[in-house]
Amino acid sequence: MKRFITTNYGYLFVVILSCLVTISTLIFQSIRLDEAQSLWVATKSVPEIFHLDAQDVLVPFYEVLLHFWIQLFGTTIAAARILSFLFFVVTLPFLYQLGKEAGNRKIAIVTITLFSLSPFIMWYSSEAHMYTLFALVTTVNHLFFLRFVRSHGRTGKFGYFVTTILGLYTHYFFILLLITQFAFLLLSLLTNNDFEMGVQNELKTQTNRSFHLLCTWIAILIFVGVCFLPWVIYFIESGAAANTQPLIPPPTSSSLFQAFSNFLLGFQSSTLQSFFISLWPVLALSLFLVFTRNTKQEVEYSTYFALATFLPIILVFLGSRIRPIFLTRYLILVTPTLFFLIAWLLAGYQNRIARLGLALLFCCMFALLVYQNIASTTPVKENYEAVANYLAEHATGSDIIAVSAPFTIYPIEYAYSGNTKIVTIPYWNRLQQGAIPKYSHANFIQQMKSYQTQYIHLFVVLSYDQGYEDDIKKYLDTHYKRITLKDFSPGLEVREYQLRYGIITGLRYL
């Protein structure tokens, strides 16, 4: 008993240590693009939030919560990030309960430890966006769904109904979880392998129960659809995300392994990422062991956990053949069940080697968590605050700042304290309704020529390449004198160009 208590205190210490590292290293970092957009939307009225989200690729639940949160605690990025961190903290007891009910206490505590050590999870636990809320709603939905299935539809219906509605209003990808649950219920009806089965002569009764359960689930989804339909209609009438459609590269086969690498090991440099992806045979072997070994650590509904982990990723990967939508952060909904499966694998071995392997995995994840947070090469870092400070120091009233892609103007405006005019390439008037204008080389040339007659220097902020960044660089480098080029974080740079000559005062042209 003493050893059990000591072990559980050890797990708790690891969870707390991971949270402290995250708070100390991430909450004070520069604002990022998604965060700036969330804050900008959340400062509007609730009807305006609905309108802006309907024109984007968002649903309004998170922004509405953030709207009321910042009314109480202010619009600083630190205050907004605390809300996301609270969602992460609240997820832990629900994830523990899910692991305990589907497995046992050992699997549950290993699950939440892995979840808390994941550099991927901890990165988004301090980002002012909907991702930890998405993970929370998904986890609670899993819990009520399994209670609903275990009781053959007698319990868990209301909780499942509420969390399903909240999930759909948190992220459109929640639909993937509903597809997974339908696939599980249909598979259970056809095979009767995932329910408590009595003797053979009760098979017909069990099939009837499975059919009744599926029908009950469909009835719940009809009521959910009625609650979500107003948003669907409003979304379509508002232009169906016509305002912002960022360029997402199509996924490759390595994208699948990179996704799992991100979930476990976070966002590392390209060298480390390539090394981790090269270890995919080890991952494949581990998955084989999970589903073929004879373990004493039995879990209920292992098929459901496997479907909930892999089916959404496969569906997004296949759907990206039509339109690229494969972003790892959108798939955060698979992480609760993924870490449950890994915990099941690790907790099933009781020998010394297994305990050593678990300890090594914890140490590796923690080390990568720290490295991800402090390394300048972390690919998801966006140091817009340093860019804004640099512009405030170097740009004057006779200069102009141009930002590309246009939607990256949000974090620049949030952090910038100077008085230089800020525009976008291509030019985007946000006061007018409609989509961001498409890039045109002819319009870009005309835009630069108009600035040449009014301003001395042009500061170009480049990030989030939308397919025309090289064209911008080539034209500016061949038509104007480039004065400086400064990198601030991966993919984020500022270029200064001389547009025309004015009166020389000291080292600056006015």
Protein backbone atom coordinates (compact mmCIF):
# COMPACT_ATOMS: atom_id res chain seq x y z
CA MET A 1 0.00 0.00 0.00
CA LYS A 2 2.84 2.36 0.87
CA ARG A 3 4.48 1.67 -2.47
CA PHE A 4 1.18 2.36 -4.27
CA ILE A 5 0.73 5.70 -2.52
CA THR A 6 4.35 6.67 -3.20
CA THR A 7 3.95 5.77 -6.86
CA ASN A 8 0.80 7.84 -7.22
CA TYR A 9 2.44 10.79 -5.49
CA GLY A 10 5.26 10.40 -7.99
CA TYR A 11 2.84 10.64 -10.90
CA LEU A 12 1.19 13.68 -9.31
CA PHE A 13 4.59 15.34 -8.90
CA VAL A 14 5.33 14.80 -12.62
CA VAL A 15 1.99 16.35 -13.61
CA ILE A 16 2.54 19.40 -11.38
CA LEU A 17 6.13 19.81 -12.61
CA SER A 18 4.98 19.75 -16.23
CA CYS A 19 2.35 22.41 -15.50
CA LEU A 20 4.89 24.64 -13.76
CA VAL A 21 7.31 24.37 -16.68
CA THR A 22 4.54 25.25 -19.11
CA ILE A 23 3.38 28.27 -17.14
CA SER A 24 6.90 29.59 -16.62
CA THR A 25 8.04 29.20 -20.23
CA LEU A 26 4.97 29.64 -22.42
CA ILE A 27 2.57 32.06 -20.80
CA PHE A 28 5.03 34.95 -21.17
CA GLN A 29 5.89 34.31 -24.83
CA SER A 30 4.88 36.53 -27.73
CA ILE A 31 1.32 36.55 -28.94
CA ARG A 32 0.68 34.23 -31.89
CA LEU A 33 -1.58 34.55 -34.92
CA ASP A 34 -4.47 32.38 -33.73
CA GLU A 35 -4.40 34.08 -30.35
CA ALA A 36 -4.52 37.56 -31.85
CA GLN A 37 -7.48 36.60 -34.02
CA SER A 38 -9.29 35.09 -31.03
CA LEU A 39 -8.75 38.20 -28.92
CA TRP A 40 -9.80 40.51 -31.75
CA VAL A 41 -13.04 38.58 -32.23
CA ALA A 42 -13.70 38.22 -28.48
CA THR A 43 -13.59 41.99 -27.96
CA LYS A 44 -16.67 42.37 -30.15
CA SER A 45 -20.28 41.98 -29.06
CA VAL A 46 -21.79 38.50 -29.06
CA PRO A 47 -23.79 39.11 -32.29
CA GLU A 48 -20.60 40.38 -33.95
CA ILE A 49 -18.75 37.29 -32.74
CA PHE A 50 -21.36 35.11 -34.44
CA HIS A 51 -21.03 37.14 -37.62
CA LEU A 52 -17.22 37.06 -37.72
CA ASP A 53 -16.98 33.35 -36.91
CA ALA A 54 -19.55 32.49 -39.55
CA GLN A 55 -17.35 34.21 -42.12
CA ASP A 56 -14.32 32.30 -40.90
CA VAL A 57 -13.59 28.61 -40.28
CA LEU A 58 -14.67 28.88 -36.64
CA VAL A 59 -17.66 28.08 -34.46
CA PRO A 60 -18.46 30.55 -31.66
CA PHE A 61 -18.41 28.68 -28.34
CA TYR A 62 -14.81 29.46 -27.39
CA GLU A 63 -14.90 33.10 -28.53
CA VAL A 64 -18.10 33.70 -26.55
CA LEU A 65 -16.51 32.24 -23.41
CA LEU A 66 -13.38 34.32 -24.01
CA HIS A 67 -15.56 37.41 -24.54
CA PHE A 68 -16.98 37.19 -21.02
CA TRP A 69 -13.63 36.09 -19.56
CA ILE A 70 -11.82 39.21 -20.77
CA GLN A 71 -14.63 41.37 -19.41
CA LEU A 72 -13.50 40.19 -15.97
CA PHE A 73 -9.74 39.79 -16.36
CA GLY A 74 -8.72 42.11 -19.19
CA THR A 75 -7.49 41.66 -22.75
CA THR A 76 -3.86 40.84 -22.01
CA ILE A 77 -2.56 37.72 -23.71
CA ALA A 78 -1.58 36.25 -20.32
CA ALA A 79 -5.16 36.55 -19.04
CA ALA A 80 -6.53 34.91 -22.19
CA ARG A 81 -4.02 32.05 -21.95
CA ILE A 82 -5.03 31.31 -18.37
CA LEU A 83 -8.52 30.41 -19.61
CA SER A 84 -7.03 27.79 -21.95
CA PHE A 85 -4.88 26.46 -19.13
CA LEU A 86 -7.96 26.09 -16.93
CA PHE A 87 -9.61 24.00 -19.65
CA PHE A 88 -6.55 21.74 -19.58
CA VAL A 89 -6.67 21.40 -15.79
CA VAL A 90 -10.39 20.57 -15.83
CA THR A 91 -9.73 17.90 -18.48
CA LEU A 92 -7.47 15.89 -16.13
CA PRO A 93 -10.13 14.59 -13.69
CA PHE A 94 -12.48 13.67 -16.53
CA LEU A 95 -9.67 11.89 -18.38
CA TYR A 96 -8.75 10.08 -15.17
CA GLN A 97 -12.35 8.96 -14.71
CA LEU A 98 -12.52 7.82 -18.33
CA GLY A 99 -9.36 5.76 -17.93
CA LYS A 100 -10.56 4.31 -14.63
CA GLU A 101 -13.98 3.27 -15.92
CA ALA A 102 -12.65 1.79 -19.16
CA GLY A 103 -9.54 0.26 -17.61
CA ASN A 104 -8.36 0.64 -14.03
CA ARG A 105 -6.74 3.14 -11.71
CA LYS A 106 -3.20 2.40 -12.91
CA ILE A 107 -4.11 2.96 -16.56
CA ALA A 108 -6.00 6.14 -15.63
CA ILE A 109 -3.11 7.74 -13.79
CA VAL A 110 -0.59 6.82 -16.50
CA THR A 111 -2.99 8.31 -19.07
CA ILE A 112 -3.22 11.71 -17.39
CA THR A 113 0.55 11.73 -16.79
CA LEU A 114 1.25 11.15 -20.47
CA PHE A 115 -1.36 13.76 -21.35
CA SER A 116 0.29 16.29 -19.04
CA LEU A 117 3.81 15.54 -20.30
CA SER A 118 2.92 15.79 -23.96
CA PRO A 119 4.70 18.88 -25.36
CA PHE A 120 1.88 19.11 -27.91
CA ILE A 121 -0.84 19.27 -25.26
CA MET A 122 1.10 21.63 -23.03
CA TRP A 123 1.83 24.00 -25.91
CA TYR A 124 -1.88 24.45 -26.60
CA SER A 125 -2.73 24.55 -22.90
CA SER A 126 -1.21 28.03 -22.93
CA GLU A 127 -2.50 29.23 -26.29
CA ALA A 128 -5.51 31.54 -26.33
CA HIS A 129 -7.51 29.44 -28.75
CA MET A 130 -10.13 26.70 -28.62
CA TYR A 131 -7.86 23.63 -28.64
CA THR A 132 -7.84 22.70 -24.93
CA LEU A 133 -11.58 23.39 -24.78
CA PHE A 134 -11.94 21.00 -27.71
CA ALA A 135 -9.93 18.34 -25.85
CA LEU A 136 -12.02 18.87 -22.70
CA VAL A 137 -15.39 18.56 -24.45
CA THR A 138 -14.16 15.51 -26.37
CA THR A 139 -12.98 13.78 -23.19
CA VAL A 140 -16.26 14.35 -21.35
CA ASN A 141 -18.18 13.22 -24.42
CA HIS A 142 -16.19 9.95 -24.48
CA LEU A 143 -17.07 9.39 -20.83
CA PHE A 144 -20.82 9.86 -21.31
CA PHE A 145 -20.84 7.88 -24.54
CA LEU A 146 -19.27 4.83 -22.89
CA ARG A 147 -21.69 5.08 -19.97
CA PHE A 148 -24.50 5.29 -22.51
CA VAL A 149 -23.23 2.17 -24.30
CA ARG A 150 -22.49 0.20 -21.13
CA SER A 151 -26.01 0.78 -19.77
CA HIS A 152 -27.61 -0.01 -23.15
CA GLY A 153 -28.93 3.55 -23.36
CA ARG A 154 -30.36 3.82 -19.87
CA THR A 155 -27.83 6.35 -18.48
CA GLY A 156 -25.53 9.03 -19.84
CA LYS A 157 -27.99 10.32 -22.45
CA PHE A 158 -28.30 13.88 -21.17
CA GLY A 159 -24.58 14.35 -20.59
CA TYR A 160 -23.85 12.95 -24.03
CA PHE A 161 -26.48 15.21 -25.60
CA VAL A 162 -25.07 18.38 -23.97
CA THR A 163 -21.40 17.61 -24.69
CA THR A 164 -22.22 16.74 -28.31
CA ILE A 165 -23.84 20.14 -28.82
CA LEU A 166 -20.92 21.89 -27.11
CA GLY A 167 -18.46 19.88 -29.20
CA LEU A 168 -20.07 20.92 -32.47
CA TYR A 169 -20.06 24.56 -31.36
CA THR A 170 -16.36 24.25 -30.41
CA HIS A 171 -14.87 22.85 -33.62
CA TYR A 172 -16.23 21.46 -36.88
CA PHE A 173 -13.92 18.44 -36.56
CA PHE A 174 -16.11 17.17 -33.72
CA ILE A 175 -18.22 15.69 -36.51
CA LEU A 176 -15.40 13.17 -36.98
CA LEU A 177 -16.01 11.86 -33.47
CA LEU A 178 -19.70 11.39 -34.26
CA ILE A 179 -18.76 9.42 -37.38
CA THR A 180 -16.47 7.29 -35.22
CA GLN A 181 -19.22 6.61 -32.69
CA PHE A 182 -21.65 5.66 -35.43
CA ALA A 183 -19.05 3.28 -36.91
CA PHE A 184 -18.54 1.70 -33.48
CA LEU A 185 -22.26 1.22 -32.84
CA LEU A 186 -22.81 -0.19 -36.31
CA LEU A 187 -19.84 -2.54 -35.95
CA SER A 188 -21.15 -3.64 -32.56
CA LEU A 189 -24.55 -4.37 -34.08
CA LEU A 190 -22.96 -6.51 -36.78
CA THR A 191 -20.52 -8.38 -34.57
CA ASN A 192 -21.83 -8.14 -30.98
CA ASN A 193 -18.25 -8.26 -29.77
CA ASP A 194 -18.04 -5.08 -27.75
CA PHE A 195 -20.96 -5.58 -25.40
CA GLU A 196 -21.36 -7.82 -22.39
CA MET A 197 -22.43 -11.10 -23.96
CA GLY A 198 -24.27 -13.79 -22.19
CA VAL A 199 -24.52 -17.38 -23.32
CA GLN A 200 -25.04 -18.22 -26.98
CA ASN A 201 -28.81 -18.49 -26.77
CA GLU A 202 -28.99 -14.84 -25.73
CA LEU A 203 -27.41 -13.63 -28.97
CA LYS A 204 -30.74 -12.59 -30.46
CA THR A 205 -31.60 -10.57 -27.37
CA GLN A 206 -28.19 -8.91 -27.50
CA THR A 207 -28.68 -8.02 -31.17
CA ASN A 208 -32.01 -6.42 -30.32
CA ARG A 209 -30.32 -4.39 -27.59
CA SER A 210 -27.62 -3.29 -30.02
CA PHE A 211 -30.22 -2.21 -32.53
CA HIS A 212 -32.18 -0.35 -29.84
CA LEU A 213 -28.98 1.39 -28.70
CA LEU A 214 -28.17 2.50 -32.24
CA CYS A 215 -31.69 3.83 -32.72
CA THR A 216 -31.53 5.71 -29.41
CA TRP A 217 -28.20 7.24 -30.43
CA ILE A 218 -29.64 8.35 -33.77
CA ALA A 219 -32.61 9.92 -31.96
CA ILE A 220 -30.24 11.90 -29.74
CA LEU A 221 -28.30 13.02 -32.81
CA ILE A 222 -31.53 14.25 -34.42
CA PHE A 223 -32.15 16.54 -31.43
CA VAL A 224 -28.49 17.62 -31.55
CA GLY A 225 -28.92 18.42 -35.24
CA VAL A 226 -31.95 20.57 -34.47
CA CYS A 227 -29.83 22.56 -32.00
CA PHE A 228 -26.95 22.93 -34.46
CA LEU A 229 -29.05 23.65 -37.55
CA PRO A 230 -29.48 27.39 -36.82
CA TRP A 231 -25.72 27.82 -36.92
CA VAL A 232 -25.42 25.82 -40.15
CA ILE A 233 -28.04 28.04 -41.82
CA TYR A 234 -26.39 31.21 -40.50
CA PHE A 235 -22.97 29.94 -41.60
CA ILE A 236 -24.17 29.31 -45.15
CA GLU A 237 -25.98 32.64 -45.39
CA SER A 238 -22.86 34.46 -44.14
CA GLY A 239 -20.69 33.13 -46.94
CA ALA A 240 -19.50 29.75 -45.61
CA ALA A 241 -16.03 30.82 -44.43
CA ALA A 242 -15.45 33.14 -47.37
CA ASN A 243 -13.57 35.65 -45.21
CA THR A 244 -10.48 33.57 -44.40
CA GLN A 245 -9.37 30.44 -46.21
CA PRO A 246 -5.67 29.98 -45.44
CA LEU A 247 -3.49 27.91 -47.72
CA ILE A 248 -2.86 24.47 -46.19
CA PRO A 249 -0.40 22.18 -47.99
CA PRO A 250 -1.74 18.74 -48.96
CA PRO A 251 -0.58 15.97 -46.60
CA THR A 252 1.81 13.19 -47.56
CA SER A 253 2.26 9.75 -46.05
CA SER A 254 4.87 11.17 -43.68
CA SER A 255 2.24 13.60 -42.39
CA LEU A 256 0.53 10.72 -40.60
CA PHE A 257 3.67 9.74 -38.71
CA GLN A 258 4.52 13.38 -38.06
CA ALA A 259 1.09 13.85 -36.46
CA PHE A 260 1.71 11.05 -33.97
CA SER A 261 5.24 12.36 -33.42
CA ASN A 262 3.77 15.77 -32.59
CA PHE A 263 1.21 14.28 -30.20
CA LEU A 264 3.89 12.45 -28.24
CA LEU A 265 7.00 14.58 -28.65
CA GLY A 266 5.76 18.02 -29.57
CA PHE A 267 7.03 20.53 -32.10
CA GLN A 268 10.76 20.05 -32.52
CA SER A 269 13.32 21.24 -35.06
CA SER A 270 13.25 19.71 -38.53
CA THR A 271 16.26 17.53 -37.68
CA LEU A 272 14.61 16.03 -34.62
CA GLN A 273 11.28 15.66 -36.41
CA SER A 274 12.94 13.75 -39.25
CA PHE A 275 14.62 11.46 -36.75
CA PHE A 276 11.38 10.74 -34.90
CA ILE A 277 9.49 10.08 -38.14
CA SER A 278 12.20 7.61 -39.17
CA LEU A 279 11.23 5.53 -36.13
CA TRP A 280 7.81 4.67 -37.58
CA PRO A 281 8.61 0.90 -37.71
CA VAL A 282 8.94 0.97 -33.91
CA LEU A 283 5.56 2.70 -33.67
CA ALA A 284 3.97 0.12 -35.98
CA LEU A 285 5.41 -2.71 -33.88
CA SER A 286 4.12 -1.10 -30.69
CA LEU A 287 0.63 -0.82 -32.15
CA PHE A 288 0.81 -4.48 -33.16
CA LEU A 289 1.69 -5.42 -29.59
CA VAL A 290 -1.21 -3.37 -28.22
CA PHE A 291 -3.83 -5.29 -30.16
CA THR A 292 -2.30 -8.77 -30.19
CA ARG A 293 -0.70 -9.36 -26.81
CA ASN A 294 -2.35 -11.27 -24.00
CA THR A 295 -2.41 -8.81 -21.12
CA LYS A 296 -3.78 -8.93 -17.63
CA GLN A 297 -4.74 -5.28 -17.95
CA GLU A 298 -8.06 -5.76 -19.71
CA VAL A 299 -10.02 -2.72 -20.86
CA GLU A 300 -13.61 -2.29 -21.99
CA TYR A 301 -14.36 -1.16 -25.50
CA SER A 302 -10.80 -1.30 -26.83
CA THR A 303 -12.26 -1.20 -30.35
CA TYR A 304 -13.88 2.12 -29.58
CA PHE A 305 -10.63 3.64 -28.32
CA ALA A 306 -8.81 2.43 -31.42
CA LEU A 307 -11.47 3.83 -33.75
CA ALA A 308 -11.58 7.16 -31.90
CA THR A 309 -7.80 7.46 -32.21
CA PHE A 310 -7.15 6.45 -35.81
CA LEU A 311 -10.39 6.87 -37.79
CA PRO A 312 -10.56 10.71 -37.53
CA ILE A 313 -6.96 11.00 -38.72
CA ILE A 314 -7.61 8.68 -41.65
CA LEU A 315 -10.78 10.54 -42.61
CA VAL A 316 -9.01 13.93 -42.55
CA PHE A 317 -6.11 12.52 -44.54
CA LEU A 318 -8.45 11.14 -47.21
CA GLY A 319 -10.56 14.30 -47.21
CA SER A 320 -7.44 16.36 -47.81
CA ARG A 321 -7.19 14.76 -51.24
CA ILE A 322 -10.22 16.89 -52.14
CA ARG A 323 -9.34 19.97 -50.10
CA PRO A 324 -6.30 20.11 -47.76
CA ILE A 325 -7.50 20.34 -44.15
CA PHE A 326 -4.82 18.22 -42.45
CA LEU A 327 -3.44 20.22 -39.52
CA THR A 328 -2.19 18.40 -36.44
CA ARG A 329 -3.73 20.88 -34.03
CA TYR A 330 -7.19 20.28 -35.54
CA LEU A 331 -6.77 16.62 -34.56
CA ILE A 332 -6.30 17.27 -30.86
CA LEU A 333 -9.59 15.39 -30.35
CA VAL A 334 -7.74 12.05 -30.78
CA THR A 335 -5.24 12.68 -27.97
CA PRO A 336 -7.36 11.50 -24.99
CA THR A 337 -7.90 8.06 -26.51
CA LEU A 338 -4.35 7.91 -27.93
CA PHE A 339 -2.78 8.39 -24.52
CA PHE A 340 -5.23 5.89 -23.06
CA LEU A 341 -4.05 3.26 -25.55
CA ILE A 342 -0.40 4.01 -24.80
CA ALA A 343 -1.10 3.83 -21.06
CA TRP A 344 -2.83 0.48 -21.58
CA LEU A 345 0.23 -0.84 -23.38
CA LEU A 346 2.68 0.40 -20.76
CA ALA A 347 0.62 -0.47 -17.69
CA GLY A 348 0.11 -4.01 -18.93
CA TYR A 349 3.70 -4.98 -18.26
CA GLN A 350 4.61 -5.31 -14.60
CA ASN A 351 8.28 -6.27 -14.78
CA ARG A 352 11.28 -4.06 -14.07
CA ILE A 353 12.05 -3.47 -17.74
CA ALA A 354 8.55 -2.15 -18.32
CA ARG A 355 8.82 0.25 -15.39
CA LEU A 356 12.18 1.41 -16.67
CA GLY A 357 10.72 1.97 -20.13
CA LEU A 358 7.90 4.01 -18.67
CA ALA A 359 10.33 6.13 -16.69
CA LEU A 360 12.49 6.71 -19.78
CA LEU A 361 9.45 7.78 -21.80
CA PHE A 362 8.45 10.25 -19.10
CA CYS A 363 11.98 11.67 -18.99
CA CYS A 364 12.14 11.94 -22.78
CA MET A 365 8.79 13.71 -23.03
CA PHE A 366 9.68 16.10 -20.22
CA ALA A 367 13.07 16.94 -21.77
CA LEU A 368 11.44 17.59 -25.14
CA LEU A 369 8.75 19.68 -23.44
CA VAL A 370 11.40 21.97 -21.96
CA TYR A 371 13.42 22.08 -25.19
CA GLN A 372 10.35 22.88 -27.28
CA ASN A 373 9.46 25.79 -25.01
CA ILE A 374 12.91 27.42 -24.92
CA ALA A 375 14.42 26.57 -28.34
CA SER A 376 14.47 29.34 -30.94
CA THR A 377 14.09 26.72 -33.70
CA THR A 378 10.67 25.52 -32.53
CA PRO A 379 8.61 25.72 -35.76
CA VAL A 380 5.37 26.90 -34.12
CA LYS A 381 6.95 29.87 -32.37
CA GLU A 382 5.75 33.21 -33.74
CA ASN A 383 7.64 36.14 -32.27
CA TYR A 384 5.30 38.90 -33.41
CA GLU A 385 6.01 40.87 -30.24
CA ALA A 386 9.69 41.22 -31.21
CA VAL A 387 8.62 42.23 -34.72
CA ALA A 388 6.32 44.92 -33.32
CA ASN A 389 9.04 46.24 -31.03
CA TYR A 390 11.51 46.34 -33.92
CA LEU A 391 9.04 48.24 -36.10
CA ALA A 392 8.21 50.70 -33.32
CA GLU A 393 11.92 51.43 -32.94
CA HIS A 394 12.85 51.72 -36.63
CA ALA A 395 9.77 52.79 -38.62
CA THR A 396 8.77 56.46 -38.67
CA GLY A 397 5.74 58.44 -39.74
CA SER A 398 7.22 58.85 -43.24
CA ASP A 399 7.45 55.06 -43.70
CA ILE A 400 4.84 52.34 -44.23
CA ILE A 401 4.51 48.79 -42.91
CA ALA A 402 3.08 46.07 -45.18
CA VAL A 403 2.07 42.70 -43.77
CA SER A 404 1.66 39.45 -45.70
CA ALA A 405 -0.35 37.26 -45.46
CA PRO A 406 -3.15 39.77 -44.75
CA PHE A 407 -4.59 37.92 -41.75
CA THR A 408 -1.25 38.21 -39.91
CA ILE A 409 -2.04 41.86 -39.32
CA TYR A 410 -3.88 40.86 -36.13
CA PRO A 411 -0.85 39.96 -33.96
CA ILE A 412 1.15 42.89 -35.38
CA GLU A 413 -1.56 45.39 -34.50
CA TYR A 414 -2.02 43.86 -31.05
CA ALA A 415 1.66 44.27 -30.10
CA TYR A 416 2.58 47.40 -32.09
CA SER A 417 2.79 50.74 -30.26
CA GLY A 418 4.18 53.00 -33.00
CA ASN A 419 2.43 55.47 -35.32
CA THR A 420 3.49 54.13 -38.72
CA LYS A 421 0.66 53.16 -41.03
CA ILE A 422 0.12 49.38 -41.38
CA VAL A 423 -1.37 47.84 -44.54
CA THR A 424 -1.54 44.34 -46.00
CA ILE A 425 -0.36 42.60 -49.18
CA PRO A 426 -2.69 42.15 -50.98
CA TYR A 427 -4.51 45.22 -49.69
CA TRP A 428 -7.43 44.24 -47.43
CA ASN A 429 -10.01 46.67 -46.13
CA ARG A 430 -11.42 44.90 -43.08
CA LEU A 431 -14.21 47.48 -42.75
CA GLN A 432 -15.78 46.06 -45.89
CA GLN A 433 -17.57 42.71 -45.84
CA GLY A 434 -16.31 39.93 -48.03
CA ALA A 435 -13.33 37.68 -48.50
CA ILE A 436 -9.67 38.68 -48.38
CA PRO A 437 -8.80 39.80 -51.93
CA LYS A 438 -6.87 37.30 -54.01
CA TYR A 439 -3.28 38.14 -54.79
CA SER A 440 -2.62 39.74 -58.17
CA HIS A 441 0.88 40.59 -59.36
CA ALA A 442 -0.42 43.56 -61.34
CA ASN A 443 -2.31 44.92 -58.34
CA PHE A 444 0.75 44.37 -56.15
CA ILE A 445 2.93 46.44 -58.52
CA GLN A 446 0.34 49.22 -58.54
CA GLN A 447 0.18 49.10 -54.75
CA MET A 448 3.98 49.48 -54.45
CA LYS A 449 4.08 52.34 -56.94
CA SER A 450 1.44 54.24 -54.98
CA TYR A 451 3.50 53.84 -51.80
CA GLN A 452 6.62 55.02 -53.61
CA THR A 453 5.06 58.44 -54.14
CA GLN A 454 4.08 58.83 -50.48
CA TYR A 455 6.64 57.07 -48.26
CA ILE A 456 10.39 56.82 -47.84
CA HIS A 457 10.85 53.29 -46.49
CA LEU A 458 8.79 50.12 -46.77
CA PHE A 459 8.91 47.54 -43.97
CA VAL A 460 7.56 44.21 -45.19
CA VAL A 461 6.56 41.60 -42.59
CA LEU A 462 6.41 38.14 -44.17
CA SER A 463 4.93 35.02 -42.56
CA TYR A 464 2.40 32.29 -43.39
CA ASP A 465 3.28 31.96 -47.07
CA GLN A 466 0.05 31.74 -49.08
CA GLY A 467 1.75 30.88 -52.36
CA TYR A 468 2.87 34.35 -53.46
CA GLU A 469 5.57 35.23 -50.93
CA ASP A 470 8.43 34.46 -53.34
CA ASP A 471 6.83 36.74 -55.92
CA ILE A 472 6.77 39.59 -53.38
CA LYS A 473 10.41 39.04 -52.46
CA LYS A 474 11.58 38.82 -56.07
CA TYR A 475 9.82 42.01 -57.17
CA LEU A 476 10.95 44.09 -54.18
CA ASP A 477 14.55 42.83 -54.36
CA THR A 478 14.80 43.70 -58.06
CA HIS A 479 13.05 47.10 -57.98
CA TYR A 480 14.05 48.65 -54.66
CA LYS A 481 17.13 48.83 -52.50
CA ARG A 482 16.92 46.40 -49.63
CA ILE A 483 18.36 47.92 -46.47
CA THR A 484 17.85 45.18 -43.87
CA LEU A 485 16.56 41.62 -43.53
CA LYS A 486 15.90 40.30 -40.05
CA ASP A 487 14.53 36.91 -38.94
CA PHE A 488 12.55 36.72 -35.70
CA SER A 489 11.26 33.13 -35.59
CA PRO A 490 10.87 30.27 -38.09
CA GLY A 491 9.12 31.70 -41.16
CA LEU A 492 8.75 35.22 -39.72
CA GLU A 493 10.97 37.98 -41.13
CA VAL A 494 11.06 41.73 -41.70
CA ARG A 495 12.57 43.32 -44.82
CA GLU A 496 13.21 47.06 -45.13
CA TYR A 497 13.34 48.70 -48.58
CA GLN A 498 14.19 52.20 -49.78
CA LEU A 499 11.22 53.43 -51.81
CA ARG A 500 12.56 56.89 -52.59
CA TYR A 501 14.99 59.45 -51.26
CA GLY A 502 14.07 62.37 -49.05
CA ILE A 503 15.94 64.87 -46.95
CA ILE A 504 18.89 63.30 -45.11
CA THR A 505 18.90 63.86 -41.34
CA GLY A 506 21.61 61.90 -39.59
CA LEU A 507 21.33 58.28 -40.63
CA ARG A 508 17.69 58.38 -41.68
CA TYR A 509 15.85 59.66 -44.74
CA LEU A 510 12.88 61.90 -44.09
